[in-house]
C-alpha atoms as a PDB file:
ATOM      1  CA  MET A   1      82.097 122.067  88.388  1.00  0.00           C
ATOM      2  CA  ALA A   2      84.454 123.222  85.600  1.00  0.00           C
ATOM      3  CA  VAL A   3      88.131 122.500  86.219  1.00  0.00           C
ATOM      4  CA  THR A   4      91.028 123.856  84.227  1.00  0.00           C
ATOM      5  CA  ARG A   5      92.949 120.825  82.967  1.00  0.00           C
ATOM      6  CA  PRO A   6      96.702 120.856  82.415  1.00  0.00           C
ATOM      7  CA  PRO A   7      97.980 120.585  78.835  1.00  0.00           C
ATOM      8  CA  ALA A   8      97.831 117.056  77.366  1.00  0.00           C
ATOM      9  CA  LEU A   9     101.082 115.104  77.422  1.00  0.00           C
ATOM     10  CA  PRO A  10     102.809 114.603  74.022  1.00  0.00           C
ATOM     11  CA  THR A  11     101.549 111.507  72.286  1.00  0.00           C
ATOM     12  CA  ASP A  12     104.539 111.033  69.929  1.00  0.00           C
ATOM     13  CA  LYS A  13     106.449 109.066  72.515  1.00  0.00           C
ATOM     14  CA  PRO A  14     105.490 106.642  75.378  1.00  0.00           C
ATOM     15  CA  VAL A  15     104.488 108.360  78.596  1.00  0.00           C
ATOM     16  CA  SER A  16     106.201 106.983  81.670  1.00  0.00           C
ATOM     17  CA  PRO A  17     104.235 105.865  84.730  1.00  0.00           C
ATOM     18  CA  LEU A  18     105.920 108.624  86.688  1.00  0.00           C
ATOM     19  CA  ALA A  19     104.813 111.275  84.228  1.00  0.00           C
ATOM     20  CA  ARG A  20     101.212 109.979  84.321  1.00  0.00           C
ATOM     21  CA  LEU A  21     101.207 110.166  88.124  1.00  0.00           C
ATOM     22  CA  HIS A  22     102.571 113.738  88.103  1.00  0.00           C
ATOM     23  CA  ARG A  23      99.844 114.696  85.592  1.00  0.00           C
ATOM     24  CA  GLU A  24      97.122 113.126  87.756  1.00  0.00           C
ATOM     25  CA  ARG A  25      98.538 114.864  90.837  1.00  0.00           C
ATOM     26  CA  THR A  26      98.455 118.227  88.979  1.00  0.00           C
ATOM     27  CA  VAL A  27      94.820 117.671  87.976  1.00  0.00           C
ATOM     28  CA  ILE A  28      93.805 116.730  91.502  1.00  0.00           C
ATOM     29  CA  MET A  29      95.574 119.722  93.057  1.00  0.00           C
ATOM     30  CA  GLY A  30      93.766 121.982  90.515  1.00  0.00           C
ATOM     31  CA  GLU A  31      90.418 120.422  91.489  1.00  0.00           C
ATOM     32  CA  LEU A  32      91.222 120.872  95.137  1.00  0.00           C
ATOM     33  CA  ALA A  33      92.010 124.548  94.611  1.00  0.00           C
ATOM     34  CA  VAL A  34      88.642 125.035  92.882  1.00  0.00           C
ATOM     35  CA  LEU A  35      86.819 123.169  95.681  1.00  0.00           C
ATOM     36  CA  ASN A  36      88.554 125.295  98.352  1.00  0.00           C
ATOM     37  CA  VAL A  37      87.364 128.462  96.664  1.00  0.00           C
ATOM     38  CA  SER A  38      83.847 127.071  96.442  1.00  0.00           C
ATOM     39  CA  ALA A  39      83.905 126.024 100.037  1.00  0.00           C
ATOM     40  CA  ALA A  40      85.051 129.474 101.091  1.00  0.00           C
ATOM     41  CA  ARG A  41      82.082 131.020  99.224  1.00  0.00           C
ATOM     42  CA  LEU A  42      79.692 128.595 100.895  1.00  0.00           C
ATOM     43  CA  ARG A  43      81.111 129.481 104.262  1.00  0.00           C
ATOM     44  CA  GLN A  44      80.350 133.131 103.467  1.00  0.00           C
ATOM     45  CA  ALA A  45      76.721 132.155 102.756  1.00  0.00           C
ATOM     46  CA  GLU A  46      76.517 130.278 106.021  1.00  0.00           C
ATOM     47  CA  ASN A  47      78.037 133.199 107.912  1.00  0.00           C
ATOM     48  CA  ALA A  48      75.531 135.602 106.393  1.00  0.00           C
ATOM     49  CA  GLU A  49      72.708 133.954 108.441  1.00  0.00           C
ATOM     50  CA  ALA A  50      74.656 134.481 111.617  1.00  0.00           C
ATOM     51  CA  ALA A  51      75.312 138.043 110.696  1.00  0.00           C
ATOM     52  CA  VAL A  52      71.554 138.741 110.368  1.00  0.00           C
ATOM     53  CA  HIS A  53      70.949 137.121 113.740  1.00  0.00           C
ATOM     54  CA  ARG A  54      73.500 139.517 115.178  1.00  0.00           C
ATOM     55  CA  GLU A  55      71.696 142.431 113.530  1.00  0.00           C
ATOM     56  CA  PHE A  56      68.447 141.290 115.164  1.00  0.00           C
ATOM     57  CA  ALA A  57      70.202 140.997 118.518  1.00  0.00           C
ATOM     58  CA  ASP A  58      71.668 144.478 118.175  1.00  0.00           C
ATOM     59  CA  LEU A  59      68.238 145.840 117.240  1.00  0.00           C
ATOM     60  CA  SER A  60      66.589 144.152 120.179  1.00  0.00           C
ATOM     61  CA  SER A  61      69.284 145.504 122.525  1.00  0.00           C
ATOM     62  CA  SER A  62      68.888 149.014 121.207  1.00  0.00           C
ATOM     63  CA  GLU A  63      65.084 148.811 121.572  1.00  0.00           C
ATOM     64  CA  ILE A  64      65.433 147.486 125.111  1.00  0.00           C
ATOM     65  CA  ASP A  65      67.827 150.311 125.966  1.00  0.00           C
ATOM     66  CA  ALA A  66      65.378 152.884 124.466  1.00  0.00           C
ATOM     67  CA  VAL A  67      62.475 151.467 126.612  1.00  0.00           C
ATOM     68  CA  ALA A  68      64.737 151.444 129.669  1.00  0.00           C
ATOM     69  CA  ASN A  69      65.683 155.054 129.116  1.00  0.00           C
ATOM     70  CA  TRP A  70      61.973 155.973 128.737  1.00  0.00           C
ATOM     71  CA  ALA A  71      61.113 154.094 131.893  1.00  0.00           C
ATOM     72  CA  ARG A  72      63.513 156.330 133.972  1.00  0.00           C
ATOM     73  CA  SER A  73      61.385 159.341 133.063  1.00  0.00           C
ATOM     74  CA  PRO A  74      58.161 158.081 131.449  1.00  0.00           C
ATOM     75  CA  ILE A  75      56.935 161.008 129.458  1.00  0.00           C
ATOM     76  CA  GLY A  76      54.514 160.210 126.686  1.00  0.00           C
ATOM     77  CA  GLU A  77      54.209 156.825 125.029  1.00  0.00           C
ATOM     78  CA  PRO A  78      57.051 154.338 125.292  1.00  0.00           C
ATOM     79  CA  PRO A  79      59.172 154.067 122.071  1.00  0.00           C
ATOM     80  CA  PRO A  80      57.621 151.543 119.686  1.00  0.00           C
ATOM     81  CA  PRO A  81      59.629 148.773 118.048  1.00  0.00           C
ATOM     82  CA  ASP A  82      61.066 149.581 114.622  1.00  0.00           C
ATOM     83  CA  GLN A  83      58.637 147.452 112.667  1.00  0.00           C
ATOM     84  CA  LYS A  84      59.997 148.570 109.285  1.00  0.00           C
ATOM     85  CA  LEU A  85      63.508 147.575 110.232  1.00  0.00           C
ATOM     86  CA  ARG A  86      62.322 144.328 111.750  1.00  0.00           C
ATOM     87  CA  ARG A  87      60.392 143.465 108.588  1.00  0.00           C
ATOM     88  CA  ALA A  88      63.480 144.226 106.455  1.00  0.00           C
ATOM     89  CA  LEU A  89      65.665 142.101 108.782  1.00  0.00           C
ATOM     90  CA  ALA A  90      63.087 139.276 108.664  1.00  0.00           C
ATOM     91  CA  GLU A  91      63.147 139.279 104.860  1.00  0.00           C
ATOM     92  CA  LYS A  92      66.941 139.417 104.975  1.00  0.00           C
ATOM     93  CA  LEU A  93      67.036 136.534 107.455  1.00  0.00           C
ATOM     94  CA  ALA A  94      64.672 134.406 105.355  1.00  0.00           C
ATOM     95  CA  ALA A  95      66.944 134.912 102.299  1.00  0.00           C
ATOM     96  CA  ALA A  96      70.026 134.235 104.361  1.00  0.00           C
ATOM     97  CA  GLN A  97      68.501 131.022 105.861  1.00  0.00           C
ATOM     98  CA  SER A  98      67.536 129.759 102.410  1.00  0.00           C
ATOM     99  CA  ALA A  99      71.041 130.400 101.104  1.00  0.00           C
ATOM    100  CA  ALA A 100      72.597 128.843 104.198  1.00  0.00           C
ATOM    101  CA  ALA A 101      70.477 125.712 103.893  1.00  0.00           C
ATOM    102  CA  ALA A 102      71.529 125.330 100.252  1.00  0.00           C
ATOM    103  CA  ALA A 103      75.136 126.023 101.194  1.00  0.00           C
ATOM    104  CA  LYS A 104      75.137 123.373 103.917  1.00  0.00           C
ATOM    105  CA  GLY A 105      74.051 120.725 101.465  1.00  0.00           C
ATOM    106  CA  ALA A 106      76.571 121.817  98.869  1.00  0.00           C
ATOM    107  CA  ALA A 107      79.269 122.027 101.579  1.00  0.00           C
ATOM    108  CA  GLN A 108      78.681 118.409 102.498  1.00  0.00           C
ATOM    109  CA  ASP A 109      79.142 117.334  98.896  1.00  0.00           C
ATOM    110  CA  ILE A 110      82.249 119.517  98.547  1.00  0.00           C
ATOM    111  CA  GLY A 111      83.621 118.152 101.806  1.00  0.00           C
ATOM    112  CA  GLN A 112      83.105 114.550 100.707  1.00  0.00           C
ATOM    113  CA  HIS A 113      84.679 115.210  97.313  1.00  0.00           C
ATOM    114  CA  THR A 114      87.593 117.062  98.921  1.00  0.00           C
ATOM    115  CA  ALA A 115      88.220 114.154 101.340  1.00  0.00           C
ATOM    116  CA  GLU A 116      88.211 111.669  98.467  1.00  0.00           C
ATOM    117  CA  LEU A 117      90.676 113.793  96.443  1.00  0.00           C
ATOM    118  CA  ASN A 118      92.962 114.161  99.439  1.00  0.00           C
ATOM    119  CA  GLN A 119      92.949 110.452  99.964  1.00  0.00           C
ATOM    120  CA  ARG A 120      93.814 109.955  96.313  1.00  0.00           C
ATOM    121  CA  LEU A 121      96.561 112.601  96.597  1.00  0.00           C
ATOM    122  CA  ILE A 122      98.125 110.711  99.519  1.00  0.00           C
ATOM    123  CA  ALA A 123      97.992 107.474  97.515  1.00  0.00           C
ATOM    124  CA  ILE A 124      99.504 109.197  94.448  1.00  0.00           C
ATOM    125  CA  ASN A 125     102.381 110.588  96.509  1.00  0.00           C
ATOM    126  CA  VAL A 126     103.192 107.039  97.672  1.00  0.00           C
ATOM    127  CA  GLU A 127     102.932 105.769  94.052  1.00  0.00           C
ATOM    128  CA  ILE A 128     105.186 108.583  92.881  1.00  0.00           C
ATOM    129  CA  GLU A 129     107.813 107.600  95.463  1.00  0.00           C
ATOM    130  CA  VAL A 130     107.690 103.990  94.164  1.00  0.00           C
ATOM    131  CA  ALA A 131     107.835 105.190  90.553  1.00  0.00           C
ATOM    132  CA  VAL A 132     110.839 107.416  91.345  1.00  0.00           C
ATOM    133  CA  LEU A 133     112.679 104.385  92.789  1.00  0.00           C
ATOM    134  CA  ASP A 134     111.737 102.339  89.722  1.00  0.00           C
ATOM    135  CA  ALA A 135     112.987 105.139  87.444  1.00  0.00           C
ATOM    136  CA  VAL A 136     116.387 105.479  89.185  1.00  0.00           C
ATOM    137  CA  GLU A 137     116.769 101.733  89.193  1.00  0.00           C
ATOM    138  CA  LEU A 138     116.311 101.717  85.435  1.00  0.00           C
ATOM    139  CA  GLU A 139     118.949 104.466  85.158  1.00  0.00           C
ATOM    140  CA  PHE A 140     121.215 102.397  87.395  1.00  0.00           C
ATOM    141  CA  ALA A 141     120.850  99.396  85.087  1.00  0.00           C
ATOM    142  CA  ASP A 142     121.637 101.583  82.075  1.00  0.00           C
ATOM    143  CA  VAL A 143     124.767 102.961  83.805  1.00  0.00           C
ATOM    144  CA  CYS A 144     125.785  99.397  84.696  1.00  0.00           C
ATOM    145  CA  ARG A 145     125.529  98.445  81.042  1.00  0.00           C
ATOM    146  CA  GLN A 146     127.655 101.439  80.096  1.00  0.00           C
ATOM    147  CA  ASN A 147     130.171 100.454  82.741  1.00  0.00           C
ATOM    148  CA  THR A 148     130.322  96.883  81.437  1.00  0.00           C
ATOM    149  CA  ASP A 149     130.940  98.179  77.859  1.00  0.00           C
ATOM    150  CA  VAL A 150     133.646 100.581  79.103  1.00  0.00           C
ATOM    151  CA  VAL A 151     135.374  97.878  81.165  1.00  0.00           C
ATOM    152  CA  ASP A 152     135.272  95.533  78.219  1.00  0.00           C
ATOM    153  CA  LEU A 153     136.848  98.219  76.008  1.00  0.00           C
ATOM    154  CA  LEU A 154     139.387  98.945  78.713  1.00  0.00           C
ATOM    155  CA  ARG A 155     140.267  95.259  78.996  1.00  0.00           C
ATOM    156  CA  LYS A 156     140.742  94.955  75.190  1.00  0.00           C
ATOM    157  CA  SER A 157     142.871  98.035  75.051  1.00  0.00           C
ATOM    158  CA  SER A 158     144.947  96.820  78.072  1.00  0.00           C
ATOM    159  CA  LEU A 159     145.511  93.483  76.292  1.00  0.00           C
ATOM    160  CA  ARG A 160     146.892  95.283  73.252  1.00  0.00           C
ATOM    161  CA  ILE A 161     149.072  97.598  75.384  1.00  0.00           C
ATOM    162  CA  PHE A 162     150.648  94.943  77.519  1.00  0.00           C
ATOM    163  CA  GLY A 163     150.563  92.386  74.729  1.00  0.00           C
ATOM    164  CA  LEU A 164     152.912  94.610  72.684  1.00  0.00           C
ATOM    165  CA  CYS A 165     155.209  95.095  75.729  1.00  0.00           C
ATOM    166  CA  SER A 166     155.269  91.309  76.211  1.00  0.00           C
ATOM    167  CA  PHE A 167     156.015  90.641  72.565  1.00  0.00           C
ATOM    168  CA  LEU A 168     158.907  93.119  72.433  1.00  0.00           C
ATOM    169  CA  SER A 169     160.357  91.728  75.643  1.00  0.00           C
ATOM    170  CA  THR A 170     160.041  88.148  74.496  1.00  0.00           C
ATOM    171  CA  GLU A 171     161.495  88.939  71.087  1.00  0.00           C
ATOM    172  CA  GLY A 172     164.401  90.833  72.691  1.00  0.00           C
ATOM    173  CA  ARG A 173     165.294  87.875  74.860  1.00  0.00           C
ATOM    174  CA  ARG A 174     164.973  85.510  71.903  1.00  0.00           C
ATOM    175  CA  LEU A 175     167.352  87.700  69.876  1.00  0.00           C
ATOM    176  CA  ASN A 176     169.816  87.776  72.768  1.00  0.00           C
ATOM    177  CA  ASP A 177     169.667  84.016  72.980  1.00  0.00           C
ATOM    178  CA  ARG A 178     170.618  83.902  69.255  1.00  0.00           C
ATOM    179  CA  THR A 179     173.594  86.206  70.081  1.00  0.00           C
ATOM    180  CA  ASP A 180     172.023  89.060  68.112  1.00  0.00           C
ATOM    181  CA  THR A 181     172.506  91.302  71.105  1.00  0.00           C
ATOM    182  CA  GLU A 182     172.229  94.636  69.276  1.00  0.00           C
ATOM    183  CA  ALA A 183     168.750  93.813  67.939  1.00  0.00           C
ATOM    184  CA  GLY A 184     167.850  92.170  71.270  1.00  0.00           C
ATOM    185  CA  GLU A 185     168.744  95.269  73.275  1.00  0.00           C
ATOM    186  CA  ARG A 186     166.802  97.370  70.807  1.00  0.00           C
ATOM    187  CA  TYR A 187     163.639  95.306  71.428  1.00  0.00           C
ATOM    188  CA  LEU A 188     164.206  95.158  75.168  1.00  0.00           C
ATOM    189  CA  ALA A 189     164.777  98.892  75.436  1.00  0.00           C
ATOM    190  CA  ARG A 190     161.593  99.587  73.466  1.00  0.00           C
ATOM    191  CA  ALA A 191     159.689  97.091  75.681  1.00  0.00           C
ATOM    192  CA  GLU A 192     160.933  98.799  78.827  1.00  0.00           C
ATOM    193  CA  ALA A 193     160.039 102.262  77.575  1.00  0.00           C
ATOM    194  CA  LEU A 194     156.512 101.238  76.535  1.00  0.00           C
ATOM    195  CA  ALA A 195     156.007  99.391  79.835  1.00  0.00           C
ATOM    196  CA  VAL A 196     156.914 102.596  81.708  1.00  0.00           C
ATOM    197  CA  ALA A 197     154.376 104.526  79.595  1.00  0.00           C
ATOM    198  CA  ALA A 198     151.700 101.830  80.101  1.00  0.00           C
ATOM    199  CA  ASN A 199     152.153 101.897  83.885  1.00  0.00           C
ATOM    200  CA  LYS A 200     151.542 105.613  83.872  1.00  0.00           C
ATOM    201  CA  LEU A 201     148.124 105.243  82.355  1.00  0.00           C
ATOM    202  CA  PRO A 202     145.192 106.285  84.668  1.00  0.00           C
ATOM    203  CA  LYS A 203     143.814 103.380  86.691  1.00  0.00           C
ATOM    204  CA  PRO A 204     139.982 103.175  86.945  1.00  0.00           C
ATOM    205  CA  GLY A 205     138.751 103.765  90.476  1.00  0.00           C
ATOM    206  CA  VAL A 206     136.772 106.139  92.599  1.00  0.00           C
ATOM    207  CA  SER A 207     137.394 107.843  95.955  1.00  0.00           C
ATOM    208  CA  GLN A 208     135.033 108.278  98.902  1.00  0.00           C
ATOM    209  CA  VAL A 209     134.833 111.979  98.186  1.00  0.00           C
ATOM    210  CA  GLU A 210     133.770 111.293  94.570  1.00  0.00           C
ATOM    211  CA  ILE A 211     131.186 108.728  95.785  1.00  0.00           C
ATOM    212  CA  ALA A 212     129.765 111.289  98.253  1.00  0.00           C
ATOM    213  CA  ALA A 213     129.487 113.894  95.455  1.00  0.00           C
ATOM    214  CA  ALA A 214     127.780 111.386  93.203  1.00  0.00           C
ATOM    215  CA  ALA A 215     125.374 110.491  96.034  1.00  0.00           C
ATOM    216  CA  ASN A 216     124.462 114.193  96.423  1.00  0.00           C
ATOM    217  CA  GLU A 217     123.833 114.359  92.652  1.00  0.00           C
ATOM    218  CA  TRP A 218     121.492 111.365  92.865  1.00  0.00           C
ATOM    219  CA  GLY A 219     119.708 113.022  95.770  1.00  0.00           C
ATOM    220  CA  ARG A 220     119.062 116.109  93.675  1.00  0.00           C
ATOM    221  CA  HIS A 221     117.916 113.989  90.789  1.00  0.00           C
ATOM    222  CA  VAL A 222     115.464 112.037  92.951  1.00  0.00           C
ATOM    223  CA  ALA A 223     114.055 115.298  94.376  1.00  0.00           C
ATOM    224  CA  ASP A 224     113.525 116.577  90.817  1.00  0.00           C
ATOM    225  CA  LEU A 225     111.778 113.296  89.859  1.00  0.00           C
ATOM    226  CA  ARG A 226     109.505 113.647  92.944  1.00  0.00           C
ATOM    227  CA  LYS A 227     108.509 117.167  91.909  1.00  0.00           C
ATOM    228  CA  GLY A 228     108.138 116.169  88.277  1.00  0.00           C
ATOM    229  CA  SER A 229     110.751 118.647  87.089  1.00  0.00           C
ATOM    230  CA  SER A 230     113.144 116.106  85.616  1.00  0.00           C
END
């Protein structure tokens, strides 16, 4: 049974396990769609036999009614069965039964294949969930590395900032101790001004509101990963 396959994934870069699972799920869902269409057609073939039986029943009922009506006032010969129509219905029934028999066998194969694909689809959805967690954990590790790099840079810049303030303060006191008060006050004033500026620098930290917003963003990202749209 021919199935339309999704486009091949690019081969110029490694394909992630999550992308492979999404591709397999797409293929399986396509196959299931084809099987569902085929199963519907087979059900039509099976229903055709029942429809012919109903035609026979309707014919028999109409013939019985005709004989019953004749019996109420029996004039002439009783109405004969419609042999021509019965023969046509018999041929139609034979064809319908043959088609129904073939459909039943094919339907069993389709049913078994459909059940197998549905079981695999359930397993794939579980595997996708695990792969999504693996993917966001890798992203988490990458963000942690970025955080470490930024904190290290912040620490180095803080050392230079407060190191200069400390130097100016220490040098100002040393100059005062040497009675060079004019120069000492100049250093101390500069140290105080820079310390005020340094203390106004933004302090790293996050609020609960910001954490909640980030959590919602992760939720949307995970949902996209589940769907294969990210």
